[in-house]
Protein backbone atom coordinates (compact mmCIF):
# COMPACT_ATOMS: atom_id res chain seq x y z
CA MET A 1 2.33 -20.55 -5.00
CA ARG A 2 -0.64 -19.59 -7.16
CA GLN A 3 -0.12 -16.86 -9.79
CA PRO A 4 -2.39 -14.27 -8.07
CA ALA A 5 -0.42 -14.63 -4.84
CA ARG A 6 2.91 -14.29 -6.65
CA LEU A 7 1.59 -11.21 -8.44
CA ALA A 8 0.44 -9.61 -5.20
CA ILE A 9 3.87 -10.11 -3.59
CA ALA A 10 5.66 -8.89 -6.70
CA LEU A 11 3.47 -5.83 -6.99
CA THR A 12 4.15 -4.99 -3.35
CA ALA A 13 7.90 -5.23 -3.85
CA VAL A 14 8.11 -3.39 -7.15
CA LEU A 15 5.74 -0.54 -6.31
CA ALA A 16 7.60 -0.02 -3.06
CA THR A 17 11.14 -0.11 -4.47
CA THR A 18 10.91 1.35 -7.97
CA ALA A 19 9.43 4.71 -7.01
CA GLY A 20 12.87 6.28 -6.90
CA CYS A 21 14.58 4.49 -9.75
CA SER A 22 12.32 3.20 -12.55
CA ALA A 23 11.11 6.62 -13.70
CA ALA A 24 14.46 8.31 -13.14
CA ASN A 25 16.42 5.75 -15.17
CA PRO A 26 14.02 4.29 -17.71
CA ARG A 27 15.36 1.74 -20.14
CA PRO A 28 14.87 2.65 -23.78
CA ALA A 29 12.17 0.47 -25.28
CA ALA A 30 13.42 -1.90 -27.95
CA ALA A 31 11.81 -1.51 -31.34
CA PRO A 32 9.17 -4.21 -31.74
CA THR A 33 9.72 -6.81 -34.42
CA ALA A 34 7.13 -7.47 -37.10
CA SER A 35 5.81 -10.46 -35.13
CA ALA A 36 5.70 -8.42 -31.91
CA GLN A 37 3.78 -5.67 -33.67
CA ALA A 38 1.25 -8.22 -34.89
CA ALA A 39 0.74 -9.44 -31.30
CA SER A 40 0.49 -6.01 -29.70
CA LEU A 41 -1.27 -2.70 -29.95
CA THR A 42 -0.23 0.85 -29.15
CA SER A 43 -1.90 2.57 -26.23
CA CYS A 44 -0.98 6.14 -25.35
CA GLY A 45 2.52 5.80 -26.76
CA ARG A 46 3.29 2.36 -25.31
CA GLN A 47 3.31 -1.05 -26.96
CA VAL A 48 0.83 -3.29 -25.16
CA PRO A 49 1.37 -7.02 -25.78
CA LEU A 50 -1.75 -8.95 -26.64
CA PRO A 51 -1.95 -11.93 -24.29
CA ALA A 52 -2.18 -15.43 -25.72
CA GLN A 53 -5.45 -15.83 -23.83
CA PRO A 54 -7.92 -12.98 -23.14
CA PRO A 55 -7.44 -11.41 -19.68
CA LYS A 56 -9.48 -12.96 -16.88
CA ARG A 57 -8.80 -10.47 -14.07
CA THR A 58 -9.10 -6.99 -15.55
CA VAL A 59 -9.32 -3.94 -13.32
CA ALA A 60 -10.95 -0.74 -14.60
CA LEU A 61 -9.64 2.29 -12.71
CA ASP A 62 -12.57 4.61 -13.47
CA GLN A 63 -16.25 4.63 -14.32
CA THR A 64 -15.71 5.39 -18.01
CA SER A 65 -13.53 2.31 -18.51
CA THR A 66 -15.89 0.20 -16.42
CA GLU A 67 -18.92 1.10 -18.52
CA THR A 68 -17.03 0.45 -21.76
CA LEU A 69 -16.10 -3.05 -20.58
CA LEU A 70 -19.65 -3.69 -19.43
CA GLU A 71 -21.01 -2.54 -22.80
CA LEU A 72 -18.68 -5.09 -24.40
CA GLY A 73 -20.10 -7.80 -22.12
CA LEU A 74 -16.84 -8.38 -20.24
CA GLN A 75 -18.08 -8.28 -16.63
CA ASP A 76 -17.04 -11.91 -16.05
CA ARG A 77 -13.47 -10.95 -17.01
CA MET A 78 -13.28 -8.16 -14.43
CA ALA A 79 -11.59 -8.40 -11.03
CA GLY A 80 -12.33 -4.86 -9.95
CA THR A 81 -13.59 -1.36 -10.59
CA ALA A 82 -12.99 1.99 -8.90
CA ASN A 83 -13.72 5.71 -8.90
CA LEU A 84 -17.48 5.70 -9.43
CA LYS A 85 -18.59 9.32 -9.95
CA THR A 86 -22.28 8.87 -10.60
CA LYS A 87 -24.90 6.14 -10.68
CA ILE A 88 -24.39 3.24 -13.02
CA PRO A 89 -27.06 3.36 -15.77
CA ALA A 90 -29.90 0.88 -15.44
CA GLN A 91 -28.75 -1.18 -18.43
CA TYR A 92 -25.45 -1.97 -16.68
CA GLU A 93 -26.69 -2.54 -13.11
CA THR A 94 -26.95 -6.34 -13.25
CA ALA A 95 -23.53 -6.73 -14.88
CA TYR A 96 -21.94 -4.13 -12.57
CA ALA A 97 -23.16 -6.03 -9.49
CA LYS A 98 -20.81 -8.89 -10.47
CA VAL A 99 -17.69 -6.69 -10.34
CA PRO A 100 -15.85 -6.11 -7.03
CA VAL A 101 -15.33 -2.47 -6.08
CA ILE A 102 -11.67 -2.22 -5.07
CA ALA A 103 -11.92 1.49 -4.21
CA PRO A 104 -14.89 3.86 -4.01
CA LYS A 105 -12.70 6.66 -5.32
CA ILE A 106 -9.25 6.65 -6.98
CA ALA A 107 -7.47 3.35 -6.40
CA ASN A 108 -3.97 3.25 -4.98
CA GLY A 109 -1.25 0.68 -5.61
CA GLU A 110 -2.13 -1.42 -2.58
CA GLN A 111 -5.77 -1.69 -3.61
CA LEU A 112 -4.81 -2.56 -7.17
CA ARG A 113 -2.33 -5.30 -6.24
CA ALA A 114 -4.84 -6.83 -3.82
CA ALA A 115 -7.07 -7.46 -6.85
CA THR A 116 -4.23 -9.40 -8.58
CA PRO A 117 -5.01 -8.05 -12.07
CA ASP A 118 -3.76 -9.44 -15.35
CA PHE A 119 -4.83 -6.31 -17.29
CA VAL A 120 -5.59 -2.73 -16.20
CA VAL A 121 -7.68 -0.17 -18.11
CA ALA A 122 -8.05 3.57 -17.50
CA ALA A 123 -9.61 6.48 -19.34
CA SER A 124 -6.75 8.82 -18.39
CA SER A 125 -3.04 8.39 -17.85
CA ASP A 126 -3.05 10.40 -14.61
CA LEU A 127 -4.48 7.36 -12.81
CA PHE A 128 -1.14 5.59 -13.42
CA THR A 129 1.13 7.50 -11.04
CA LYS A 130 3.27 6.41 -8.11
CA ASP A 131 0.82 7.77 -5.54
CA ARG A 132 -2.17 6.24 -7.33
CA ALA A 133 -2.27 2.84 -9.03
CA GLY A 134 1.44 2.80 -9.87
CA THR A 135 3.13 3.76 -13.12
CA ARG A 136 2.64 1.88 -16.35
CA GLU A 137 6.37 1.07 -16.33
CA GLU A 138 6.10 -0.54 -12.89
CA LEU A 139 3.15 -2.64 -13.95
CA ALA A 140 4.82 -3.61 -17.24
CA ALA A 141 7.81 -4.90 -15.25
CA LEU A 142 5.36 -7.26 -13.54
CA LYS A 143 3.95 -8.42 -16.89
CA VAL A 144 0.66 -6.62 -16.22
CA PRO A 145 -0.37 -4.81 -19.44
CA THR A 146 -2.06 -1.42 -19.13
CA PHE A 147 -4.42 0.35 -21.51
CA VAL A 148 -5.18 4.10 -21.61
CA SER A 149 -7.91 5.62 -23.75
CA ALA A 150 -6.63 7.14 -26.98
CA VAL A 151 -8.78 10.20 -26.30
CA ASP A 152 -6.45 11.14 -23.42
CA CYS A 153 -3.36 11.00 -25.65
CA PRO A 154 -4.04 13.08 -28.78
CA GLN A 155 -0.34 13.82 -29.35
CA GLN A 156 0.43 10.11 -29.71
CA ASN A 157 -2.32 9.48 -32.26
CA PRO A 158 -2.36 10.01 -36.02
CA PRO A 159 -3.22 13.64 -36.85
CA GLY A 160 -6.72 14.50 -37.92
CA ARG A 161 -8.55 11.85 -35.93
CA THR A 162 -11.53 13.28 -34.08
CA PRO A 163 -12.21 12.56 -30.39
CA PHE A 164 -15.13 10.35 -31.33
CA GLU A 165 -12.98 8.34 -33.75
CA LEU A 166 -10.38 7.91 -31.00
CA LEU A 167 -13.12 6.71 -28.67
CA PHE A 168 -14.32 4.20 -31.25
CA SER A 169 -10.75 2.97 -31.72
CA ASP A 170 -10.71 2.20 -27.98
CA TYR A 171 -13.69 -0.11 -28.44
CA GLU A 172 -12.02 -1.88 -31.35
CA ASN A 173 -8.67 -2.27 -29.58
CA LEU A 174 -10.30 -3.60 -26.43
CA GLY A 175 -12.23 -6.00 -28.64
CA ARG A 176 -8.90 -7.33 -29.92
CA VAL A 177 -7.54 -7.73 -26.39
CA PHE A 178 -10.55 -9.69 -25.15
CA GLY A 179 -11.47 -11.58 -28.30
CA ALA A 180 -14.68 -9.55 -28.54
CA GLU A 181 -14.03 -8.05 -31.96
CA GLU A 182 -17.54 -8.58 -33.29
CA ARG A 183 -19.27 -6.89 -30.37
CA ALA A 184 -16.74 -4.04 -30.37
CA ALA A 185 -17.16 -3.49 -34.11
CA ARG A 186 -20.93 -3.39 -33.73
CA LEU A 187 -20.68 -0.83 -30.91
CA ALA A 188 -18.32 1.36 -32.94
CA SER A 189 -20.54 1.08 -36.02
CA ASP A 190 -23.69 1.99 -34.08
CA GLN A 191 -22.06 5.02 -32.51
CA ARG A 192 -20.54 6.19 -35.80
CA ALA A 193 -24.07 6.11 -37.22
CA ALA A 194 -25.31 8.18 -34.25
CA VAL A 195 -22.61 10.78 -34.89
CA ALA A 196 -23.55 10.89 -38.57
CA ARG A 197 -27.21 11.42 -37.69
CA ALA A 198 -26.34 14.23 -35.30
CA GLY A 199 -24.36 15.99 -38.02
CA ALA A 200 -26.85 15.42 -40.82
CA ASN A 201 -28.24 18.94 -40.55
CA ALA A 202 -24.94 20.69 -39.85
CA ALA A 203 -24.67 21.81 -43.48
CA LYS A 204 -27.98 23.64 -43.07
CA THR A 205 -26.86 25.76 -40.12
CA ALA A 206 -25.35 29.20 -40.42
CA ARG A 207 -21.60 29.45 -41.00
CA GLY A 208 -18.89 31.94 -40.20
CA ALA A 209 -19.91 34.94 -38.12
CA ASP A 210 -23.53 33.77 -38.06
CA GLN A 211 -22.66 30.34 -36.69
CA PRO A 212 -24.44 29.83 -33.35
CA THR A 213 -22.18 29.81 -30.30
CA VAL A 214 -22.54 27.57 -27.28
CA VAL A 215 -21.27 27.79 -23.70
CA TYR A 216 -21.08 24.45 -21.88
CA LEU A 217 -21.49 24.98 -18.14
CA TYR A 218 -20.04 21.92 -16.46
CA SER A 219 -19.77 22.96 -12.84
CA VAL A 220 -20.07 25.89 -10.45
CA PHE A 221 -17.52 25.68 -7.63
CA ASN A 222 -17.18 28.36 -4.96
CA GLY A 223 -19.44 30.48 -7.12
CA MET A 224 -17.18 30.29 -10.19
CA PRO A 225 -18.21 28.65 -13.49
CA TYR A 226 -16.25 25.86 -15.14
CA VAL A 227 -16.89 25.66 -18.88
CA ALA A 228 -15.76 23.57 -21.84
CA GLY A 229 -12.52 24.72 -23.44
CA ARG A 230 -11.07 23.82 -26.82
CA THR A 231 -9.55 20.45 -25.88
CA GLY A 232 -12.72 18.93 -24.41
CA LEU A 233 -15.23 16.79 -26.26
CA PRO A 234 -17.91 19.56 -26.40
CA SER A 235 -15.87 21.47 -28.99
CA GLU A 236 -16.13 18.47 -31.31
CA MET A 237 -19.82 18.11 -30.49
CA SER A 238 -20.33 21.75 -31.46
CA ARG A 239 -18.55 21.25 -34.77
CA ILE A 240 -20.68 18.20 -35.58
CA VAL A 241 -23.97 20.07 -35.07
CA GLY A 242 -22.78 23.18 -36.91
CA ALA A 243 -22.14 25.39 -33.90
CA ARG A 244 -19.03 26.78 -32.18
CA ASN A 245 -17.85 26.45 -28.62
CA ALA A 246 -17.68 30.01 -27.27
CA PHE A 247 -14.53 29.20 -25.26
CA ASP A 248 -12.58 27.54 -28.06
CA ASP A 249 -9.74 29.98 -27.45
CA ILE A 250 -8.80 28.29 -24.15
CA ALA A 251 -6.65 25.17 -24.57
CA GLU A 252 -8.06 23.27 -21.61
CA ASP A 253 -10.81 20.71 -21.11
CA TRP A 254 -12.73 22.46 -18.31
CA PRO A 255 -11.20 25.85 -17.45
CA GLU A 256 -12.43 28.05 -14.64
CA VAL A 257 -13.66 31.39 -15.98
CA THR A 258 -15.68 34.28 -14.57
CA TRP A 259 -19.37 35.01 -15.04
CA GLU A 260 -18.33 38.27 -16.68
CA GLU A 261 -16.39 36.30 -19.31
CA VAL A 262 -19.48 34.19 -19.98
CA ALA A 263 -21.47 37.41 -20.44
CA GLU A 264 -18.84 38.82 -22.81
CA ARG A 265 -19.13 35.75 -25.05
CA ASP A 266 -22.94 36.28 -25.14
CA PRO A 267 -23.66 32.72 -26.36
CA ASP A 268 -26.69 31.87 -28.42
CA VAL A 269 -27.20 28.69 -26.40
CA ILE A 270 -26.10 27.51 -22.96
CA VAL A 271 -25.71 23.79 -22.30
CA ILE A 272 -25.88 22.79 -18.64
CA GLY A 273 -24.18 19.59 -17.56
CA ASP A 274 -26.26 18.08 -14.76
CA LEU A 275 -24.01 16.42 -12.16
CA SER A 276 -26.63 16.06 -9.44
CA GLU A 277 -25.58 12.51 -8.62
CA ARG A 278 -22.01 13.61 -7.88
CA GLY A 279 -23.45 15.68 -5.06
CA ARG A 280 -20.98 18.54 -4.78
CA PRO A 281 -22.18 22.12 -4.22
CA GLY A 282 -23.00 23.71 -7.58
CA ASP A 283 -23.28 20.38 -9.41
CA SER A 284 -27.01 20.17 -10.05
CA ALA A 285 -28.70 21.73 -13.06
CA ALA A 286 -31.04 23.63 -10.72
CA GLU A 287 -28.10 25.24 -8.91
CA LYS A 288 -26.52 26.27 -12.20
CA ARG A 289 -29.75 27.81 -13.45
CA ALA A 290 -30.10 29.68 -10.14
CA ALA A 291 -26.52 30.96 -10.40
CA MET A 292 -27.21 32.36 -13.87
CA THR A 293 -30.61 33.88 -13.17
CA GLY A 294 -29.30 35.40 -9.95
CA HIS A 295 -26.25 37.03 -11.52
CA PRO A 296 -26.77 40.73 -12.29
CA VAL A 297 -25.07 40.52 -15.70
CA VAL A 298 -25.54 36.92 -16.89
CA SER A 299 -29.26 37.08 -16.12
CA ARG A 300 -29.61 39.73 -18.85
CA LEU A 301 -28.16 37.50 -21.59
CA ALA A 302 -30.66 36.65 -24.31
CA ALA A 303 -29.93 32.94 -23.90
CA VAL A 304 -30.93 33.14 -20.23
CA ARG A 305 -33.87 35.51 -20.70
CA ASP A 306 -35.30 33.51 -23.61
CA GLY A 307 -34.68 30.11 -22.09
CA LYS A 308 -32.21 28.94 -24.72
CA ILE A 309 -30.74 26.50 -22.22
CA LEU A 310 -30.25 22.80 -22.89
CA GLN A 311 -29.62 20.21 -20.19
CA VAL A 312 -27.57 17.03 -20.61
CA PRO A 313 -26.06 14.56 -18.14
CA GLY A 314 -22.75 16.10 -17.13
CA ILE A 315 -20.82 12.84 -17.19
CA GLU A 316 -21.70 12.44 -20.87
CA LEU A 317 -19.75 15.59 -21.77
CA ASP A 318 -16.52 13.71 -21.08
CA PRO A 319 -15.53 11.00 -23.58
CA SER A 320 -17.27 7.72 -22.76
CA VAL A 321 -19.58 5.10 -24.16
CA ARG A 322 -22.41 7.47 -23.17
CA SER A 323 -21.21 10.56 -25.05
CA VAL A 324 -23.18 9.95 -28.24
CA HIS A 325 -26.34 10.34 -26.14
CA ALA A 326 -25.31 13.86 -25.11
CA LEU A 327 -24.50 14.61 -28.75
CA GLU A 328 -27.98 13.50 -29.78
CA LEU A 329 -29.54 15.71 -27.07
CA LEU A 330 -27.48 18.65 -28.32
CA ALA A 331 -28.47 18.08 -31.96
CA ASP A 332 -32.16 17.75 -31.07
CA GLY A 333 -32.01 20.81 -28.83
CA MET A 334 -30.34 22.97 -31.45
CA ARG A 335 -33.01 21.94 -33.94
CA ASP A 336 -35.82 22.67 -31.49
CA LEU A 337 -34.35 26.12 -30.80
CA GLY A 338 -34.42 26.91 -34.51
CA TYR A 339 -30.70 26.74 -35.30
CA VAL A 340 -31.15 24.29 -38.15
CA ARG A 341 -32.07 26.29 -41.20
């Protein structure tokens, strides 16, 4: 029996039978030896063995992971992708066309095992659950390594590392897995330089009480605004450009707030995340502008009256290979609005 067929049968059996036992009675992980450490990397608190040969049938469970692999030129090593939220950028279209779509939205265990993967990548750990792709423990039992972005696991990472540095470490670790170290290092270096450029004028902006504040409007759902909280990437973007996220006091990525709370923060600048391609009500930049200008209180904010509104692609406000572009738009916009002194 060929390996893919054996894997498919094994995945079926394990994902069906371990749901009630593997998580309830996990075996303690043995401490890796020095040689094991040299042949593995840590991903979101788990040791991931580095295969003797680079994976040939990788599945990316989300768009962020897919675009990272495509940027690293690994489309010929991919057996599947899933959970596309917006259009693939033009520079990836040809490469993306080579990758099978195993699920238009979130992949489940059956869809994953049908792809017979030898490596699975995800931007967030919540895609590895029993009712989704299966747990990381279940897949490890089948000798299928899993990788989760370091940005989703800040508690398991060395203290003091910024979200962008964690993102760049993803590139470098994936480069090790696939034998693409040179391309990964070049990508990380280029994006580190972009971050440095975006922060070059931060020292010239006002500090303390005079530091400009920013509200990041990600979505409007059922009439309610969803904004960037302290744990999302926009807080780090604000710091880099010498501003402050107005909702830094909420320890969430994208909390739901009220329009009255937005008005109370009275931000100097409002950044709209355009999610038009996602297609949900309240996603487009035009709908968000209309919601603000039509609100009896928010419409009177100076940022709204004076047009101090910046627009960036909404998907770029979450950590991904595209995020440095949103950072550059933010830095340029803050300069154009006169917040670089």
